[in-house]
Amino acid sequence: MTAAALLLVVGCSSSSTPAAGPASITFSSDGTPGMVGATTSGSMPMPMPGSSVAPAASDAPNGSNAVNISNFAFAPASLTIPAGSTVTWTNKDEEPHTVVSGDGTTFHSPGMDTGGTYSFTFQNAGTFEYICSIHPMMHGTVVVTK
């Protein structure tokens, strides 16, 4: 038996007398059980180790040349567009992000806070890999066709 299970069993088998009066649940102003005044709007669920969190439907890109930054990932991770098209990245995370071309010079956004956007027009055909310079494990690719 693990220490947590033992603690649970010991805690449940306590012989202390319950407090006088019926049990109650306190609701926050939005009707969620829990602490009064606490809110859950805008909170980000944290994935368990070894699991992943898929972007919610609202995190889907808006438009064919849109890339959303959500859950520390670019979505879609790869985008194919014709030359002369403009791609717009939107940061939907609560952390700041950037969009920087693999060569560091073709395009480089400033830091984008939540809701921030950055757009770049791709004039030439080619494959353009990019990262977030703040979180370099985030990778994306834009493939530009003629």
Protein backbone atom coordinates (compact mmCIF):
# COMPACT_ATOMS: atom_id res chain seq x y z
CA MET A 1 0.00 0.00 0.00
CA THR A 2 1.40 3.39 -0.98
CA ALA A 3 1.78 6.24 1.46
CA ALA A 4 -0.97 8.22 -0.33
CA ALA A 5 -3.41 5.30 -0.15
CA LEU A 6 -2.51 4.72 3.50
CA LEU A 7 -3.10 8.41 4.22
CA LEU A 8 -6.45 8.25 2.43
CA VAL A 9 -7.53 5.19 4.42
CA VAL A 10 -6.36 6.71 7.71
CA GLY A 11 -8.06 10.03 6.90
CA CYS A 12 -11.33 8.29 6.00
CA SER A 13 -11.37 6.11 9.06
CA SER A 14 -10.97 8.97 11.51
CA SER A 15 -13.28 8.65 14.49
CA SER A 16 -13.59 12.39 15.09
CA THR A 17 -17.05 13.86 15.36
CA PRO A 18 -18.21 15.82 12.30
CA ALA A 19 -18.78 19.55 12.67
CA ALA A 20 -22.29 20.59 13.61
CA GLY A 21 -24.66 21.39 10.77
CA PRO A 22 -25.04 20.05 7.24
CA ALA A 23 -22.14 19.90 4.78
CA SER A 24 -22.08 22.71 2.23
CA ILE A 25 -20.41 23.57 -1.04
CA THR A 26 -19.41 27.12 -1.81
CA PHE A 27 -19.86 28.31 -5.41
CA SER A 28 -17.91 31.09 -7.08
CA SER A 29 -19.70 33.92 -8.85
CA ASP A 30 -19.72 31.95 -12.12
CA GLY A 31 -21.43 28.96 -10.50
CA THR A 32 -18.32 26.78 -10.30
CA PRO A 33 -17.91 24.82 -7.05
CA GLY A 34 -14.80 25.89 -5.21
CA MET A 35 -13.43 28.98 -3.61
CA VAL A 36 -15.52 32.13 -3.56
CA GLY A 37 -14.06 34.70 -5.93
CA ALA A 38 -11.95 32.12 -7.78
CA THR A 39 -12.34 31.96 -11.52
CA THR A 40 -11.35 29.43 -14.12
CA SER A 41 -11.84 31.57 -17.21
CA GLY A 42 -8.63 31.97 -19.14
CA SER A 43 -6.87 29.26 -17.20
CA MET A 44 -4.75 26.79 -19.14
CA PRO A 45 -4.90 23.10 -18.29
CA MET A 46 -1.50 21.60 -17.64
CA PRO A 47 -0.86 18.27 -19.35
CA MET A 48 0.29 15.31 -17.29
CA PRO A 49 3.81 14.05 -18.04
CA GLY A 50 3.75 11.85 -21.12
CA SER A 51 0.46 13.32 -22.41
CA SER A 52 -0.34 16.13 -24.76
CA VAL A 53 -3.06 18.72 -24.99
CA ALA A 54 -4.60 19.19 -28.42
CA PRO A 55 -5.54 22.73 -29.40
CA ALA A 56 -9.21 23.48 -28.77
CA ALA A 57 -11.51 24.20 -31.69
CA SER A 58 -11.17 27.92 -30.95
CA ASP A 59 -7.42 27.57 -31.45
CA ALA A 60 -7.86 26.51 -35.07
CA PRO A 61 -6.31 28.97 -37.52
CA ASN A 62 -8.64 31.67 -38.85
CA GLY A 63 -8.15 31.66 -42.64
CA SER A 64 -6.06 29.64 -45.02
CA ASN A 65 -2.86 31.65 -44.42
CA ALA A 66 -3.17 31.82 -40.63
CA VAL A 67 -0.93 30.12 -38.09
CA ASN A 68 -1.95 30.06 -34.46
CA ILE A 69 0.47 29.74 -31.58
CA SER A 70 -1.21 27.62 -28.93
CA ASN A 71 0.04 25.19 -26.27
CA PHE A 72 3.64 26.06 -27.21
CA ALA A 73 3.15 24.89 -30.82
CA PHE A 74 2.52 26.40 -34.24
CA ALA A 75 -0.74 25.21 -35.82
CA PRO A 76 -0.52 24.16 -38.52
CA ALA A 77 3.12 23.16 -38.16
CA SER A 78 3.50 23.26 -41.96
CA LEU A 79 1.70 25.61 -44.32
CA THR A 80 1.85 25.65 -48.16
CA ILE A 81 1.03 28.90 -49.92
CA PRO A 82 1.58 30.49 -53.37
CA ALA A 83 4.26 33.15 -53.76
CA GLY A 84 3.01 36.64 -52.93
CA SER A 85 0.83 35.39 -50.05
CA THR A 86 0.86 36.84 -46.57
CA VAL A 87 0.93 34.59 -43.51
CA THR A 88 -0.36 35.91 -40.18
CA TRP A 89 0.68 34.32 -36.89
CA THR A 90 -1.51 34.88 -33.81
CA ASN A 91 -0.32 34.17 -30.28
CA LYS A 92 -3.12 32.43 -28.34
CA ASP A 93 -0.83 31.36 -25.48
CA GLU A 94 -0.52 33.24 -22.21
CA GLU A 95 3.26 33.37 -22.70
CA PRO A 96 5.05 35.66 -25.20
CA HIS A 97 6.33 34.13 -28.45
CA THR A 98 8.23 35.19 -31.56
CA VAL A 99 8.40 33.99 -35.16
CA VAL A 100 11.96 33.91 -36.54
CA SER A 101 13.13 32.45 -39.85
CA GLY A 102 15.72 29.68 -39.68
CA ASP A 103 18.36 32.00 -41.17
CA GLY A 104 17.45 34.69 -38.63
CA THR A 105 17.23 37.40 -41.29
CA THR A 106 14.34 36.67 -43.71
CA PHE A 107 11.72 37.51 -41.09
CA HIS A 108 11.83 38.20 -37.36
CA SER A 109 8.82 39.23 -35.32
CA PRO A 110 8.97 41.21 -32.12
CA GLY A 111 7.81 39.44 -28.96
CA MET A 112 4.06 38.89 -29.16
CA ASP A 113 1.93 38.85 -26.02
CA THR A 114 -1.42 37.05 -25.86
CA GLY A 115 -3.53 38.09 -28.85
CA GLY A 116 -0.53 39.61 -30.63
CA THR A 117 -0.11 39.06 -34.36
CA TYR A 118 2.72 39.17 -36.88
CA SER A 119 2.37 39.05 -40.67
CA PHE A 120 4.93 38.41 -43.38
CA THR A 121 4.51 38.34 -47.17
CA PHE A 122 6.46 35.56 -48.91
CA GLN A 123 7.51 36.84 -52.36
CA ASN A 124 9.85 34.00 -53.37
CA ALA A 125 9.26 30.27 -53.75
CA GLY A 126 11.06 28.02 -51.29
CA THR A 127 10.84 26.27 -47.95
CA PHE A 128 11.11 28.54 -44.94
CA GLU A 129 11.63 26.95 -41.55
CA TYR A 130 11.04 29.06 -38.48
CA ILE A 131 11.13 28.88 -34.67
CA CYS A 132 10.10 30.83 -31.61
CA SER A 133 13.36 32.40 -30.43
CA ILE A 134 12.08 32.41 -26.84
CA HIS A 135 11.12 28.70 -26.97
CA PRO A 136 13.38 27.17 -29.68
CA MET A 137 11.73 23.75 -29.33
CA MET A 138 8.80 25.29 -31.25
CA HIS A 139 9.27 24.70 -35.01
CA GLY A 140 7.21 25.48 -38.09
CA THR A 141 7.57 25.51 -41.87
CA VAL A 142 6.11 27.63 -44.67
CA VAL A 143 6.39 26.10 -48.16
CA VAL A 144 6.00 28.75 -50.88
CA THR A 145 5.11 27.55 -54.38
CA LYS A 146 5.41 29.48 -57.68
